[in-house]
C-alpha atoms as a PDB file:
ATOM      1  CA  UNK A   1     312.548  54.439 100.237  1.00  0.00           C
ATOM      2  CA  UNK A   2     315.782  53.581 102.086  1.00  0.00           C
ATOM      3  CA  UNK A   3     313.690  52.781 104.999  1.00  0.00           C
ATOM      4  CA  UNK A   4     311.370  50.892 103.506  1.00  0.00           C
ATOM      5  CA  UNK A   5     314.176  48.323 102.127  1.00  0.00           C
ATOM      6  CA  UNK A   6     315.617  48.434 105.470  1.00  0.00           C
ATOM      7  CA  UNK A   7     312.460  47.490 107.144  1.00  0.00           C
ATOM      8  CA  UNK A   8     312.383  44.328 104.700  1.00  0.00           C
ATOM      9  CA  UNK A   9     315.865  43.243 105.921  1.00  0.00           C
ATOM     10  CA  UNK A  10     314.356  43.587 109.596  1.00  0.00           C
ATOM     11  CA  UNK A  11     316.092  47.361 110.174  1.00  0.00           C
ATOM     12  CA  UNK A  12     319.570  45.956 108.997  1.00  0.00           C
ATOM     13  CA  UNK A  13     321.631  48.607 106.610  1.00  0.00           C
ATOM     14  CA  UNK A  14     322.705  46.977 103.725  1.00  0.00           C
ATOM     15  CA  UNK A  15     326.037  48.430 103.847  1.00  0.00           C
ATOM     16  CA  UNK A  16     326.378  47.295 107.506  1.00  0.00           C
ATOM     17  CA  UNK A  17     325.914  43.416 106.620  1.00  0.00           C
ATOM     18  CA  UNK A  18     328.898  41.158 107.588  1.00  0.00           C
ATOM     19  CA  UNK A  19     330.265  38.280 105.609  1.00  0.00           C
ATOM     20  CA  UNK A  20     328.533  35.790 107.963  1.00  0.00           C
ATOM     21  CA  UNK A  21     325.217  36.971 106.855  1.00  0.00           C
ATOM     22  CA  UNK A  22     323.129  34.570 104.862  1.00  0.00           C
ATOM     23  CA  UNK A  23     323.678  34.853 101.134  1.00  0.00           C
ATOM     24  CA  UNK A  24     319.865  33.574 100.674  1.00  0.00           C
ATOM     25  CA  UNK A  25     318.269  36.685  99.909  1.00  0.00           C
ATOM     26  CA  UNK A  26     314.211  35.981  99.769  1.00  0.00           C
ATOM     27  CA  UNK A  27     313.214  39.715 100.590  1.00  0.00           C
ATOM     28  CA  UNK A  28     314.372  40.644  97.052  1.00  0.00           C
ATOM     29  CA  UNK A  29     311.888  38.301  95.398  1.00  0.00           C
ATOM     30  CA  UNK A  30     308.866  40.441  96.619  1.00  0.00           C
ATOM     31  CA  UNK A  31     310.917  43.833  96.600  1.00  0.00           C
ATOM     32  CA  UNK A  32     309.204  45.144  93.687  1.00  0.00           C
ATOM     33  CA  UNK A  33     305.515  44.325  94.951  1.00  0.00           C
ATOM     34  CA  UNK A  34     306.469  45.875  98.037  1.00  0.00           C
ATOM     35  CA  UNK A  35     307.696  49.273  97.052  1.00  0.00           C
ATOM     36  CA  UNK A  36     305.982  49.652  93.992  1.00  0.00           C
ATOM     37  CA  UNK A  37     303.212  52.456  93.791  1.00  0.00           C
ATOM     38  CA  UNK A  38     300.566  52.050  92.733  1.00  0.00           C
ATOM     39  CA  UNK A  39     300.852  48.201  92.520  1.00  0.00           C
ATOM     40  CA  UNK A  40     300.212  46.487  89.482  1.00  0.00           C
ATOM     41  CA  UNK A  41     297.135  44.445  90.892  1.00  0.00           C
ATOM     42  CA  UNK A  42     295.559  48.015  91.348  1.00  0.00           C
ATOM     43  CA  UNK A  43     296.046  48.821  87.850  1.00  0.00           C
ATOM     44  CA  UNK A  44     294.531  45.485  86.475  1.00  0.00           C
ATOM     45  CA  UNK A  45     291.755  46.380  88.703  1.00  0.00           C
ATOM     46  CA  UNK A  46     291.185  49.767  87.481  1.00  0.00           C
ATOM     47  CA  UNK A  47     291.142  48.268  83.703  1.00  0.00           C
ATOM     48  CA  UNK A  48     288.093  46.529  84.573  1.00  0.00           C
ATOM     49  CA  UNK A  49     286.161  49.802  85.216  1.00  0.00           C
ATOM     50  CA  UNK A  50     288.098  52.322  83.277  1.00  0.00           C
ATOM     51  CA  UNK A  51     289.436  52.219  79.585  1.00  0.00           C
ATOM     52  CA  UNK A  52     293.059  53.135  79.563  1.00  0.00           C
ATOM     53  CA  UNK A  53     295.031  53.538  76.374  1.00  0.00           C
ATOM     54  CA  UNK A  54     297.154  50.384  75.471  1.00  0.00           C
ATOM     55  CA  UNK A  55     300.119  52.964  75.333  1.00  0.00           C
ATOM     56  CA  UNK A  56     299.735  54.115  78.959  1.00  0.00           C
ATOM     57  CA  UNK A  57     299.369  50.104  79.751  1.00  0.00           C
ATOM     58  CA  UNK A  58     302.732  49.473  77.897  1.00  0.00           C
ATOM     59  CA  UNK A  59     304.251  52.539  80.275  1.00  0.00           C
ATOM     60  CA  UNK A  60     303.071  50.698  83.600  1.00  0.00           C
ATOM     61  CA  UNK A  61     304.536  47.700  82.320  1.00  0.00           C
ATOM     62  CA  UNK A  62     307.648  49.071  81.510  1.00  0.00           C
ATOM     63  CA  UNK A  63     308.050  50.953  84.788  1.00  0.00           C
ATOM     64  CA  UNK A  64     307.363  47.518  86.476  1.00  0.00           C
ATOM     65  CA  UNK A  65     310.088  46.050  84.466  1.00  0.00           C
ATOM     66  CA  UNK A  66     312.222  48.781  85.457  1.00  0.00           C
ATOM     67  CA  UNK A  67     311.712  47.904  89.133  1.00  0.00           C
ATOM     68  CA  UNK A  68     312.424  44.368  88.586  1.00  0.00           C
ATOM     69  CA  UNK A  69     316.005  45.349  87.284  1.00  0.00           C
ATOM     70  CA  UNK A  70     316.358  47.853  90.133  1.00  0.00           C
ATOM     71  CA  UNK A  71     315.727  44.744  92.588  1.00  0.00           C
ATOM     72  CA  UNK A  72     318.238  42.538  90.763  1.00  0.00           C
ATOM     73  CA  UNK A  73     321.138  45.114  91.126  1.00  0.00           C
ATOM     74  CA  UNK A  74     320.367  46.071  94.763  1.00  0.00           C
ATOM     75  CA  UNK A  75     320.353  42.250  95.189  1.00  0.00           C
ATOM     76  CA  UNK A  76     324.081  42.128  93.493  1.00  0.00           C
ATOM     77  CA  UNK A  77     325.110  45.172  95.544  1.00  0.00           C
ATOM     78  CA  UNK A  78     324.065  43.133  98.842  1.00  0.00           C
ATOM     79  CA  UNK A  79     326.034  40.159  97.558  1.00  0.00           C
ATOM     80  CA  UNK A  80     329.087  42.427  96.902  1.00  0.00           C
ATOM     81  CA  UNK A  81     329.119  43.696 100.156  1.00  0.00           C
ATOM     82  CA  UNK A  82     329.025  40.061 101.401  1.00  0.00           C
ATOM     83  CA  UNK A  83     331.676  39.118  99.339  1.00  0.00           C
ATOM     84  CA  UNK A  84     333.962  42.120 100.350  1.00  0.00           C
ATOM     85  CA  UNK A  85     333.780  40.752 103.837  1.00  0.00           C
ATOM     86  CA  UNK A  86     336.592  38.216 102.948  1.00  0.00           C
ATOM     87  CA  UNK A  87     338.825  41.501 101.599  1.00  0.00           C
ATOM     88  CA  UNK A  88     338.073  43.202 104.795  1.00  0.00           C
ATOM     89  CA  UNK A  89     338.802  40.268 106.984  1.00  0.00           C
ATOM     90  CA  UNK A  90     342.129  39.902 104.871  1.00  0.00           C
ATOM     91  CA  UNK A  91     342.921  43.530 105.714  1.00  0.00           C
ATOM     92  CA  UNK A  92     342.273  42.937 109.354  1.00  0.00           C
ATOM     93  CA  UNK A  93     344.758  40.131 109.700  1.00  0.00           C
ATOM     94  CA  UNK A  94     347.425  41.854 107.573  1.00  0.00           C
ATOM     95  CA  UNK A  95     347.300  44.962 109.920  1.00  0.00           C
ATOM     96  CA  UNK A  96     347.070  42.885 113.566  1.00  0.00           C
ATOM     97  CA  UNK A  97     350.172  40.141 112.921  1.00  0.00           C
ATOM     98  CA  UNK A  98     353.305  41.656 111.792  1.00  0.00           C
ATOM     99  CA  UNK A  99     357.075  40.540 112.660  1.00  0.00           C
ATOM    100  CA  UNK A 100     359.139  43.541 114.123  1.00  0.00           C
ATOM    101  CA  UNK A 101     362.159  43.229 111.832  1.00  0.00           C
ATOM    102  CA  UNK A 102     361.164  42.707 108.341  1.00  0.00           C
ATOM    103  CA  UNK A 103     357.310  43.059 108.284  1.00  0.00           C
ATOM    104  CA  UNK A 104     356.628  40.007 106.820  1.00  0.00           C
ATOM    105  CA  UNK A 105     353.475  38.344 107.832  1.00  0.00           C
ATOM    106  CA  UNK A 106     353.518  35.274 109.911  1.00  0.00           C
ATOM    107  CA  UNK A 107     353.092  32.302 108.261  1.00  0.00           C
ATOM    108  CA  UNK A 108     349.860  31.042 109.974  1.00  0.00           C
ATOM    109  CA  UNK A 109     348.181  34.372 109.163  1.00  0.00           C
ATOM    110  CA  UNK A 110     349.541  34.269 105.698  1.00  0.00           C
ATOM    111  CA  UNK A 111     347.714  31.207 105.235  1.00  0.00           C
ATOM    112  CA  UNK A 112     344.738  32.702 106.730  1.00  0.00           C
ATOM    113  CA  UNK A 113     344.880  35.879 104.442  1.00  0.00           C
ATOM    114  CA  UNK A 114     345.592  33.387 101.485  1.00  0.00           C
ATOM    115  CA  UNK A 115     342.234  31.743 102.146  1.00  0.00           C
ATOM    116  CA  UNK A 116     340.004  34.873 102.385  1.00  0.00           C
ATOM    117  CA  UNK A 117     341.625  35.939  99.102  1.00  0.00           C
ATOM    118  CA  UNK A 118     341.032  32.816  97.539  1.00  0.00           C
ATOM    119  CA  UNK A 119     337.631  32.982  98.642  1.00  0.00           C
ATOM    120  CA  UNK A 120     336.920  36.389  97.471  1.00  0.00           C
ATOM    121  CA  UNK A 121     338.367  35.427  93.874  1.00  0.00           C
ATOM    122  CA  UNK A 122     336.059  32.314  93.334  1.00  0.00           C
ATOM    123  CA  UNK A 123     333.203  34.250  93.894  1.00  0.00           C
ATOM    124  CA  UNK A 124     331.091  35.149  90.967  1.00  0.00           C
ATOM    125  CA  UNK A 125     330.770  38.870  90.107  1.00  0.00           C
ATOM    126  CA  UNK A 126     327.444  40.020  91.686  1.00  0.00           C
ATOM    127  CA  UNK A 127     327.055  42.900  89.432  1.00  0.00           C
ATOM    128  CA  UNK A 128     327.477  40.611  85.917  1.00  0.00           C
ATOM    129  CA  UNK A 129     323.584  39.745  86.449  1.00  0.00           C
ATOM    130  CA  UNK A 130     322.697  42.865  84.220  1.00  0.00           C
ATOM    131  CA  UNK A 131     325.534  42.979  81.228  1.00  0.00           C
ATOM    132  CA  UNK A 132     326.003  45.935  79.486  1.00  0.00           C
ATOM    133  CA  UNK A 133     323.798  44.311  76.544  1.00  0.00           C
ATOM    134  CA  UNK A 134     320.956  44.133  78.980  1.00  0.00           C
ATOM    135  CA  UNK A 135     320.954  47.847  79.737  1.00  0.00           C
ATOM    136  CA  UNK A 136     321.573  48.416  75.868  1.00  0.00           C
ATOM    137  CA  UNK A 137     318.001  46.287  75.294  1.00  0.00           C
ATOM    138  CA  UNK A 138     316.367  48.002  78.014  1.00  0.00           C
ATOM    139  CA  UNK A 139     317.366  51.605  76.741  1.00  0.00           C
ATOM    140  CA  UNK A 140     316.442  50.680  73.091  1.00  0.00           C
ATOM    141  CA  UNK A 141     313.002  49.166  74.145  1.00  0.00           C
ATOM    142  CA  UNK A 142     312.301  52.463  76.125  1.00  0.00           C
ATOM    143  CA  UNK A 143     313.504  54.656  73.477  1.00  0.00           C
ATOM    144  CA  UNK A 144     310.905  52.880  71.226  1.00  0.00           C
ATOM    145  CA  UNK A 145     308.099  53.370  73.782  1.00  0.00           C
ATOM    146  CA  UNK A 146     308.976  56.697  74.292  1.00  0.00           C
ATOM    147  CA  UNK A 147     308.766  57.347  70.428  1.00  0.00           C
ATOM    148  CA  UNK A 148     305.327  55.809  70.187  1.00  0.00           C
ATOM    149  CA  UNK A 149     304.381  57.983  73.331  1.00  0.00           C
ATOM    150  CA  UNK A 150     305.308  61.423  72.050  1.00  0.00           C
ATOM    151  CA  UNK A 151     304.256  60.527  68.470  1.00  0.00           C
ATOM    152  CA  UNK A 152     300.870  59.664  69.644  1.00  0.00           C
ATOM    153  CA  UNK A 153     300.562  62.777  71.649  1.00  0.00           C
ATOM    154  CA  UNK A 154     301.503  64.965  68.601  1.00  0.00           C
ATOM    155  CA  UNK A 155     299.042  63.522  66.311  1.00  0.00           C
ATOM    156  CA  UNK A 156     296.695  64.208  69.180  1.00  0.00           C
ATOM    157  CA  UNK A 157     297.448  67.967  69.423  1.00  0.00           C
ATOM    158  CA  UNK A 158     297.885  68.162  65.425  1.00  0.00           C
ATOM    159  CA  UNK A 159     293.965  67.175  65.559  1.00  0.00           C
ATOM    160  CA  UNK A 160     293.083  69.247  68.171  1.00  0.00           C
ATOM    161  CA  UNK A 161     294.755  72.219  66.588  1.00  0.00           C
ATOM    162  CA  UNK A 162     293.062  71.628  63.464  1.00  0.00           C
ATOM    163  CA  UNK A 163     289.696  71.015  65.046  1.00  0.00           C
ATOM    164  CA  UNK A 164     290.139  74.471  67.067  1.00  0.00           C
ATOM    165  CA  UNK A 165     291.047  76.101  63.578  1.00  0.00           C
ATOM    166  CA  UNK A 166     288.020  74.779  61.827  1.00  0.00           C
ATOM    167  CA  UNK A 167     285.814  75.554  64.817  1.00  0.00           C
ATOM    168  CA  UNK A 168     287.168  78.910  64.951  1.00  0.00           C
ATOM    169  CA  UNK A 169     286.622  79.585  61.356  1.00  0.00           C
ATOM    170  CA  UNK A 170     283.057  78.109  61.369  1.00  0.00           C
ATOM    171  CA  UNK A 171     282.232  80.195  64.668  1.00  0.00           C
ATOM    172  CA  UNK A 172     283.539  83.354  62.582  1.00  0.00           C
ATOM    173  CA  UNK A 173     281.491  82.406  58.926  1.00  0.00           C
ATOM    174  CA  UNK A 174     278.244  82.050  61.457  1.00  0.00           C
ATOM    175  CA  UNK A 175     278.496  84.986  63.146  1.00  0.00           C
ATOM    176  CA  UNK A 176     279.245  87.030  60.005  1.00  0.00           C
ATOM    177  CA  UNK A 177     275.938  85.709  58.649  1.00  0.00           C
ATOM    178  CA  UNK A 178     274.002  86.266  61.446  1.00  0.00           C
ATOM    179  CA  UNK A 179     275.718  89.769  61.578  1.00  0.00           C
ATOM    180  CA  UNK A 180     274.694  90.375  57.777  1.00  0.00           C
ATOM    181  CA  UNK A 181     270.989  89.084  58.540  1.00  0.00           C
ATOM    182  CA  UNK A 182     270.471  91.506  61.162  1.00  0.00           C
ATOM    183  CA  UNK A 183     272.108  94.474  59.627  1.00  0.00           C
ATOM    184  CA  UNK A 184     269.553  94.060  56.529  1.00  0.00           C
ATOM    185  CA  UNK A 185     266.861  93.480  58.937  1.00  0.00           C
ATOM    186  CA  UNK A 186     268.106  96.472  60.670  1.00  0.00           C
ATOM    187  CA  UNK A 187     268.057  98.295  57.453  1.00  0.00           C
ATOM    188  CA  UNK A 188     264.788  97.217  56.437  1.00  0.00           C
ATOM    189  CA  UNK A 189     263.013  97.938  59.892  1.00  0.00           C
ATOM    190  CA  UNK A 190     264.562 101.607  59.642  1.00  0.00           C
ATOM    191  CA  UNK A 191     262.536 102.066  56.340  1.00  0.00           C
ATOM    192  CA  UNK A 192     259.525 100.528  57.387  1.00  0.00           C
ATOM    193  CA  UNK A 193     256.917 102.328  58.900  1.00  0.00           C
ATOM    194  CA  UNK A 194     257.539 100.477  62.231  1.00  0.00           C
ATOM    195  CA  UNK A 195     261.377 101.121  62.350  1.00  0.00           C
ATOM    196  CA  UNK A 196     260.992 103.411  65.274  1.00  0.00           C
ATOM    197  CA  UNK A 197     259.573 100.749  67.385  1.00  0.00           C
ATOM    198  CA  UNK A 198     261.407  97.237  66.048  1.00  0.00           C
ATOM    199  CA  UNK A 199     265.106  99.129  65.465  1.00  0.00           C
ATOM    200  CA  UNK A 200     265.948  99.135  69.347  1.00  0.00           C
ATOM    201  CA  UNK A 201     264.988  95.301  69.788  1.00  0.00           C
ATOM    202  CA  UNK A 202     266.939  94.298  66.433  1.00  0.00           C
ATOM    203  CA  UNK A 203     270.116  96.497  67.945  1.00  0.00           C
ATOM    204  CA  UNK A 204     269.542  94.617  71.154  1.00  0.00           C
ATOM    205  CA  UNK A 205     269.738  91.109  69.526  1.00  0.00           C
ATOM    206  CA  UNK A 206     272.690  92.248  67.594  1.00  0.00           C
ATOM    207  CA  UNK A 207     274.768  93.043  70.535  1.00  0.00           C
ATOM    208  CA  UNK A 208     273.634  90.195  72.473  1.00  0.00           C
ATOM    209  CA  UNK A 209     274.993  87.834  70.103  1.00  0.00           C
ATOM    210  CA  UNK A 210     278.548  88.587  70.459  1.00  0.00           C
ATOM    211  CA  UNK A 211     277.516  89.034  74.488  1.00  0.00           C
ATOM    212  CA  UNK A 212     276.000  85.298  74.412  1.00  0.00           C
ATOM    213  CA  UNK A 213     278.812  83.971  72.183  1.00  0.00           C
ATOM    214  CA  UNK A 214     281.590  85.269  74.697  1.00  0.00           C
ATOM    215  CA  UNK A 215     279.789  83.810  77.655  1.00  0.00           C
ATOM    216  CA  UNK A 216     279.072  80.549  76.086  1.00  0.00           C
ATOM    217  CA  UNK A 217     282.788  79.799  75.505  1.00  0.00           C
ATOM    218  CA  UNK A 218     283.896  80.130  79.158  1.00  0.00           C
ATOM    219  CA  UNK A 219     282.854  76.904  80.442  1.00  0.00           C
ATOM    220  CA  UNK A 220     284.510  75.070  77.584  1.00  0.00           C
ATOM    221  CA  UNK A 221     287.758  75.882  78.099  1.00  0.00           C
ATOM    222  CA  UNK A 222     287.678  74.700  81.864  1.00  0.00           C
ATOM    223  CA  UNK A 223     286.852  71.277  80.938  1.00  0.00           C
ATOM    224  CA  UNK A 224     288.937  69.009  78.581  1.00  0.00           C
ATOM    225  CA  UNK A 225     287.495  66.666  76.171  1.00  0.00           C
ATOM    226  CA  UNK A 226     288.585  63.024  76.038  1.00  0.00           C
ATOM    227  CA  UNK A 227     290.977  63.459  73.486  1.00  0.00           C
ATOM    228  CA  UNK A 228     292.435  66.235  75.285  1.00  0.00           C
ATOM    229  CA  UNK A 229     292.696  64.017  78.445  1.00  0.00           C
ATOM    230  CA  UNK A 230     294.314  61.348  76.632  1.00  0.00           C
ATOM    231  CA  UNK A 231     297.264  63.833  75.325  1.00  0.00           C
ATOM    232  CA  UNK A 232     297.914  65.110  78.809  1.00  0.00           C
ATOM    233  CA  UNK A 233     297.979  61.276  80.156  1.00  0.00           C
ATOM    234  CA  UNK A 234     300.515  60.292  77.255  1.00  0.00           C
ATOM    235  CA  UNK A 235     302.304  63.511  77.943  1.00  0.00           C
ATOM    236  CA  UNK A 236     303.010  62.578  81.494  1.00  0.00           C
ATOM    237  CA  UNK A 237     303.707  59.225  80.641  1.00  0.00           C
ATOM    238  CA  UNK A 238     306.066  60.170  77.954  1.00  0.00           C
ATOM    239  CA  UNK A 239     308.155  62.270  80.814  1.00  0.00           C
ATOM    240  CA  UNK A 240     308.406  59.315  82.855  1.00  0.00           C
ATOM    241  CA  UNK A 241     310.020  57.221  80.394  1.00  0.00           C
ATOM    242  CA  UNK A 242     312.516  59.851  79.529  1.00  0.00           C
ATOM    243  CA  UNK A 243     313.428  60.052  83.194  1.00  0.00           C
ATOM    244  CA  UNK A 244     313.621  56.463  83.108  1.00  0.00           C
ATOM    245  CA  UNK A 245     315.844  56.548  80.297  1.00  0.00           C
ATOM    246  CA  UNK A 246     318.221  58.720  81.857  1.00  0.00           C
ATOM    247  CA  UNK A 247     318.211  56.992  85.275  1.00  0.00           C
ATOM    248  CA  UNK A 248     319.242  53.770  83.796  1.00  0.00           C
ATOM    249  CA  UNK A 249     321.824  55.409  81.398  1.00  0.00           C
ATOM    250  CA  UNK A 250     323.537  56.679  84.781  1.00  0.00           C
ATOM    251  CA  UNK A 251     322.762  53.193  86.388  1.00  0.00           C
ATOM    252  CA  UNK A 252     324.571  51.563  83.441  1.00  0.00           C
ATOM    253  CA  UNK A 253     327.729  53.700  83.599  1.00  0.00           C
ATOM    254  CA  UNK A 254     327.975  53.284  87.488  1.00  0.00           C
ATOM    255  CA  UNK A 255     327.424  49.138  87.328  1.00  0.00           C
ATOM    256  CA  UNK A 256     329.948  48.884  84.528  1.00  0.00           C
ATOM    257  CA  UNK A 257     332.492  50.883  86.603  1.00  0.00           C
ATOM    258  CA  UNK A 258     332.047  48.878  89.926  1.00  0.00           C
ATOM    259  CA  UNK A 259     331.895  45.575  87.715  1.00  0.00           C
ATOM    260  CA  UNK A 260     335.191  46.653  86.458  1.00  0.00           C
ATOM    261  CA  UNK A 261     336.428  47.244  89.991  1.00  0.00           C
ATOM    262  CA  UNK A 262     335.331  43.713  91.114  1.00  0.00           C
ATOM    263  CA  UNK A 263     336.925  42.098  88.400  1.00  0.00           C
ATOM    264  CA  UNK A 264     340.041  43.998  89.046  1.00  0.00           C
ATOM    265  CA  UNK A 265     340.173  42.809  92.863  1.00  0.00           C
ATOM    266  CA  UNK A 266     339.424  39.489  91.996  1.00  0.00           C
ATOM    267  CA  UNK A 267     342.183  38.806  89.294  1.00  0.00           C
ATOM    268  CA  UNK A 268     344.733  40.585  91.961  1.00  0.00           C
ATOM    269  CA  UNK A 269     343.431  38.320  94.560  1.00  0.00           C
ATOM    270  CA  UNK A 270     343.649  35.231  92.260  1.00  0.00           C
ATOM    271  CA  UNK A 271     347.218  36.412  91.059  1.00  0.00           C
ATOM    272  CA  UNK A 272     348.274  36.841  94.630  1.00  0.00           C
ATOM    273  CA  UNK A 273     347.475  33.452  96.117  1.00  0.00           C
ATOM    274  CA  UNK A 274     348.939  31.868  92.630  1.00  0.00           C
ATOM    275  CA  UNK A 275     352.267  33.725  93.517  1.00  0.00           C
ATOM    276  CA  UNK A 276     352.499  33.021  96.956  1.00  0.00           C
ATOM    277  CA  UNK A 277     355.159  35.640  97.677  1.00  0.00           C
ATOM    278  CA  UNK A 278     354.864  37.569 101.028  1.00  0.00           C
ATOM    279  CA  UNK A 279     355.978  40.691  99.499  1.00  0.00           C
ATOM    280  CA  UNK A 280     353.175  40.597  96.834  1.00  0.00           C
ATOM    281  CA  UNK A 281     350.820  39.401  99.585  1.00  0.00           C
ATOM    282  CA  UNK A 282     351.949  42.607 101.531  1.00  0.00           C
ATOM    283  CA  UNK A 283     351.347  44.759  98.490  1.00  0.00           C
ATOM    284  CA  UNK A 284     348.092  43.542  97.399  1.00  0.00           C
ATOM    285  CA  UNK A 285     346.647  43.825 100.764  1.00  0.00           C
ATOM    286  CA  UNK A 286     347.869  47.334 101.157  1.00  0.00           C
ATOM    287  CA  UNK A 287     346.137  48.272  97.689  1.00  0.00           C
ATOM    288  CA  UNK A 288     342.754  46.868  98.864  1.00  0.00           C
ATOM    289  CA  UNK A 289     343.212  48.992 102.000  1.00  0.00           C
ATOM    290  CA  UNK A 290     344.169  52.227 100.193  1.00  0.00           C
ATOM    291  CA  UNK A 291     341.089  51.703  97.874  1.00  0.00           C
ATOM    292  CA  UNK A 292     338.530  50.383 100.275  1.00  0.00           C
ATOM    293  CA  UNK A 293     337.090  53.561 101.202  1.00  0.00           C
ATOM    294  CA  UNK A 294     336.638  54.456  97.488  1.00  0.00           C
ATOM    295  CA  UNK A 295     334.986  51.097  96.572  1.00  0.00           C
ATOM    296  CA  UNK A 296     332.508  51.459  99.234  1.00  0.00           C
ATOM    297  CA  UNK A 297     331.685  54.601  98.497  1.00  0.00           C
ATOM    298  CA  UNK A 298     330.994  53.799  94.834  1.00  0.00           C
ATOM    299  CA  UNK A 299     328.690  50.876  96.107  1.00  0.00           C
ATOM    300  CA  UNK A 300     326.820  53.468  98.563  1.00  0.00           C
ATOM    301  CA  UNK A 301     326.076  55.598  95.600  1.00  0.00           C
ATOM    302  CA  UNK A 302     324.683  53.044  93.438  1.00  0.00           C
ATOM    303  CA  UNK A 303     322.526  51.895  96.000  1.00  0.00           C
ATOM    304  CA  UNK A 304     321.256  55.361  96.560  1.00  0.00           C
ATOM    305  CA  UNK A 305     320.785  56.111  92.972  1.00  0.00           C
ATOM    306  CA  UNK A 306     318.718  52.827  93.061  1.00  0.00           C
ATOM    307  CA  UNK A 307     316.385  54.205  95.835  1.00  0.00           C
ATOM    308  CA  UNK A 308     315.923  57.440  93.414  1.00  0.00           C
ATOM    309  CA  UNK A 309     314.985  55.250  90.803  1.00  0.00           C
ATOM    310  CA  UNK A 310     312.455  53.705  92.724  1.00  0.00           C
ATOM    311  CA  UNK A 311     311.070  57.140  93.759  1.00  0.00           C
ATOM    312  CA  UNK A 312     310.996  58.784  90.234  1.00  0.00           C
ATOM    313  CA  UNK A 313     308.915  55.510  88.948  1.00  0.00           C
ATOM    314  CA  UNK A 314     306.621  55.717  91.447  1.00  0.00           C
ATOM    315  CA  UNK A 315     306.065  59.573  91.465  1.00  0.00           C
ATOM    316  CA  UNK A 316     305.873  59.297  87.631  1.00  0.00           C
ATOM    317  CA  UNK A 317     303.108  56.274  87.986  1.00  0.00           C
ATOM    318  CA  UNK A 318     300.798  58.201  90.266  1.00  0.00           C
ATOM    319  CA  UNK A 319     301.196  61.338  88.112  1.00  0.00           C
ATOM    320  CA  UNK A 320     299.768  59.141  85.386  1.00  0.00           C
ATOM    321  CA  UNK A 321     296.858  57.645  87.545  1.00  0.00           C
ATOM    322  CA  UNK A 322     296.090  61.203  88.661  1.00  0.00           C
ATOM    323  CA  UNK A 323     295.796  62.264  84.797  1.00  0.00           C
ATOM    324  CA  UNK A 324     293.502  58.965  84.150  1.00  0.00           C
ATOM    325  CA  UNK A 325     291.191  59.799  87.158  1.00  0.00           C
ATOM    326  CA  UNK A 326     291.087  63.498  86.357  1.00  0.00           C
ATOM    327  CA  UNK A 327     292.414  64.428  89.590  1.00  0.00           C
ATOM    328  CA  UNK A 328     295.508  66.809  90.370  1.00  0.00           C
ATOM    329  CA  UNK A 329     297.576  66.920  93.442  1.00  0.00           C
END
């Protein structure tokens, strides 16, 4: 999945993009269409020839929306890397130009660093595109869908269970009535003149009845009814939504943490520029330098989690399609 995204970027790693890269990101517009499997157009074509339950269509629509949210967050990560190039430049300038005596930055380079910090502080937080309220709405909508899928699945299983019980009771009743009839015929045949000739045939019919019933029921266990197949489809879709909810809960926490980290850096950079004191500048740049590795690791972790979400979404969609088509892998 990572390679596919990088392929759309022309083979450039998102983390390795410099601040001089273009801020226009047209490739994100079609990223879902490029990564999603099977594509939504394929599903729409399938609905013309195959009847698909409306809850399954709701599941496919929800998974499509989830991919769009992943697109937006991935774009926010990309922009964050671009913006953070200003901090990297400030750190680079502070490491290369210091006086030997008091370790104070030279005036010209101070102004260059202030310029980089001011630019970073002026940028809007890229991860604010999906707010906690958005994640809350996503969570609630997926919980509603999960409830509908599981509720419908339980109803189907309950009906199948009752149907199986009634079928079993009916089968037992028929076998008992047939057995009683055969026993009566056997008793009558034994007391009749031709009992010696008829009895073996009646006994054979009596034994053959149970053999026939047992043999006849075997193929039925190997083939699912349409209601059973729908139950399996809903079950796979429900599992997919459950995984999606967990993935987005994790993503929500990661985005919130990184959003707060970016806001902290923006406020510190803004304070430093307004203060204008060299000692404050030196401490701020040192703090950014010390926290740089941790911050970039968090961005990388969120990026990888989004790739994992794409993978799990595609896997769940393929499993549901396999159930609809009646195929297994």
